[in-house]
Amino acid sequence: MVQTFLFWLLVSYAAISFALALAYLRYRRLSHAEIVAWGALALFVPIFGPFFVIAARPGPRRRSRRLLHRAG
């Protein structure tokens, strides 16, 4: 019973952290190949992959939509 609970806790943590890493990559200016490469790192490096992706801060930051509306 405890092993099953811990297994599902680990799986849910890995899925949530992967989703957070992908959400973070969405706000970076990257090519499709770079997004796939960073996403693969986040997926295939167990548990620490999403932390590596977010800590590396790949690519420049996208401009905020709010700033684009003020400029135009």
C-alpha atoms as a PDB file:
ATOM      1  CA  MET A   1       0.000   0.000   0.000  1.00  0.00           C
ATOM      2  CA  VAL A   2       2.719   2.471   0.956  1.00  0.00           C
ATOM      3  CA  GLN A   3       4.853   1.550  -2.068  1.00  0.00           C
ATOM      4  CA  THR A   4       1.921   2.160  -4.411  1.00  0.00           C
ATOM      5  CA  PHE A   5       1.244   5.544  -2.845  1.00  0.00           C
ATOM      6  CA  LEU A   6       4.903   6.562  -3.108  1.00  0.00           C
ATOM      7  CA  PHE A   7       5.059   5.380  -6.711  1.00  0.00           C
ATOM      8  CA  TRP A   8       2.050   7.490  -7.708  1.00  0.00           C
ATOM      9  CA  LEU A   9       3.370  10.432  -5.740  1.00  0.00           C
ATOM     10  CA  LEU A  10       6.648  10.234  -7.670  1.00  0.00           C
ATOM     11  CA  VAL A  11       4.865   9.863 -11.022  1.00  0.00           C
ATOM     12  CA  SER A  12       2.584  12.825 -10.324  1.00  0.00           C
ATOM     13  CA  TYR A  13       5.531  14.962  -9.199  1.00  0.00           C
ATOM     14  CA  ALA A  14       7.450  14.100 -12.376  1.00  0.00           C
ATOM     15  CA  ALA A  15       4.433  14.929 -14.564  1.00  0.00           C
ATOM     16  CA  ILE A  16       3.759  18.240 -12.821  1.00  0.00           C
ATOM     17  CA  SER A  17       7.394  19.336 -12.943  1.00  0.00           C
ATOM     18  CA  PHE A  18       7.578  18.399 -16.651  1.00  0.00           C
ATOM     19  CA  ALA A  19       4.469  20.487 -17.321  1.00  0.00           C
ATOM     20  CA  LEU A  20       6.018  23.433 -15.452  1.00  0.00           C
ATOM     21  CA  ALA A  21       9.201  23.144 -17.527  1.00  0.00           C
ATOM     22  CA  LEU A  22       7.179  23.156 -20.751  1.00  0.00           C
ATOM     23  CA  ALA A  23       5.182  26.157 -19.544  1.00  0.00           C
ATOM     24  CA  TYR A  24       8.457  27.939 -18.823  1.00  0.00           C
ATOM     25  CA  LEU A  25       9.808  27.142 -22.299  1.00  0.00           C
ATOM     26  CA  ARG A  26       6.667  28.639 -23.799  1.00  0.00           C
ATOM     27  CA  TYR A  27       7.777  32.091 -22.659  1.00  0.00           C
ATOM     28  CA  ARG A  28      11.268  31.846 -24.156  1.00  0.00           C
ATOM     29  CA  ARG A  29      12.135  32.736 -27.754  1.00  0.00           C
ATOM     30  CA  LEU A  30      13.341  29.370 -29.109  1.00  0.00           C
ATOM     31  CA  SER A  31      13.180  27.506 -32.411  1.00  0.00           C
ATOM     32  CA  HIS A  32      11.091  24.352 -32.649  1.00  0.00           C
ATOM     33  CA  ALA A  33      14.226  22.184 -32.564  1.00  0.00           C
ATOM     34  CA  GLU A  34      15.424  23.896 -29.394  1.00  0.00           C
ATOM     35  CA  ILE A  35      12.044  23.419 -27.738  1.00  0.00           C
ATOM     36  CA  VAL A  36      12.117  19.722 -28.616  1.00  0.00           C
ATOM     37  CA  ALA A  37      15.688  19.354 -27.311  1.00  0.00           C
ATOM     38  CA  TRP A  38      15.002  21.142 -24.016  1.00  0.00           C
ATOM     39  CA  GLY A  39      11.701  19.285 -23.636  1.00  0.00           C
ATOM     40  CA  ALA A  40      13.484  15.965 -24.189  1.00  0.00           C
ATOM     41  CA  LEU A  41      15.990  16.901 -21.485  1.00  0.00           C
ATOM     42  CA  ALA A  42      13.161  17.712 -19.099  1.00  0.00           C
ATOM     43  CA  LEU A  43      11.429  14.436 -19.916  1.00  0.00           C
ATOM     44  CA  PHE A  44      14.314  11.964 -20.039  1.00  0.00           C
ATOM     45  CA  VAL A  45      16.463  13.150 -17.128  1.00  0.00           C
ATOM     46  CA  PRO A  46      14.517  11.747 -14.203  1.00  0.00           C
ATOM     47  CA  ILE A  47      13.252  14.222 -11.625  1.00  0.00           C
ATOM     48  CA  PHE A  48      16.030  16.831 -12.086  1.00  0.00           C
ATOM     49  CA  GLY A  49      15.489  17.475 -15.823  1.00  0.00           C
ATOM     50  CA  PRO A  50      12.861  20.213 -15.376  1.00  0.00           C
ATOM     51  CA  PHE A  51      15.082  21.973 -12.833  1.00  0.00           C
ATOM     52  CA  PHE A  52      17.977  21.938 -15.300  1.00  0.00           C
ATOM     53  CA  VAL A  53      15.767  23.402 -18.051  1.00  0.00           C
ATOM     54  CA  ILE A  54      14.481  26.248 -15.887  1.00  0.00           C
ATOM     55  CA  ALA A  55      17.908  26.977 -14.344  1.00  0.00           C
ATOM     56  CA  ALA A  56      19.598  27.135 -17.774  1.00  0.00           C
ATOM     57  CA  ARG A  57      17.190  29.868 -18.998  1.00  0.00           C
ATOM     58  CA  PRO A  58      17.523  28.906 -22.676  1.00  0.00           C
ATOM     59  CA  GLY A  59      17.085  31.631 -25.268  1.00  0.00           C
ATOM     60  CA  PRO A  60      16.094  35.254 -24.737  1.00  0.00           C
ATOM     61  CA  ARG A  61      12.888  36.170 -22.977  1.00  0.00           C
ATOM     62  CA  ARG A  62       9.881  36.941 -25.163  1.00  0.00           C
ATOM     63  CA  ARG A  63       8.561  40.467 -25.021  1.00  0.00           C
ATOM     64  CA  SER A  64       5.483  40.876 -22.921  1.00  0.00           C
ATOM     65  CA  ARG A  65       2.217  41.335 -24.800  1.00  0.00           C
ATOM     66  CA  ARG A  66       1.477  44.225 -22.478  1.00  0.00           C
ATOM     67  CA  LEU A  67       4.622  46.021 -23.658  1.00  0.00           C
ATOM     68  CA  LEU A  68       3.740  45.365 -27.294  1.00  0.00           C
ATOM     69  CA  HIS A  69       0.311  46.970 -26.848  1.00  0.00           C
ATOM     70  CA  ARG A  70       1.817  50.083 -25.278  1.00  0.00           C
ATOM     71  CA  ALA A  71       4.416  50.470 -28.026  1.00  0.00           C
ATOM     72  CA  GLY A  72       1.898  50.164 -30.869  1.00  0.00           C
END
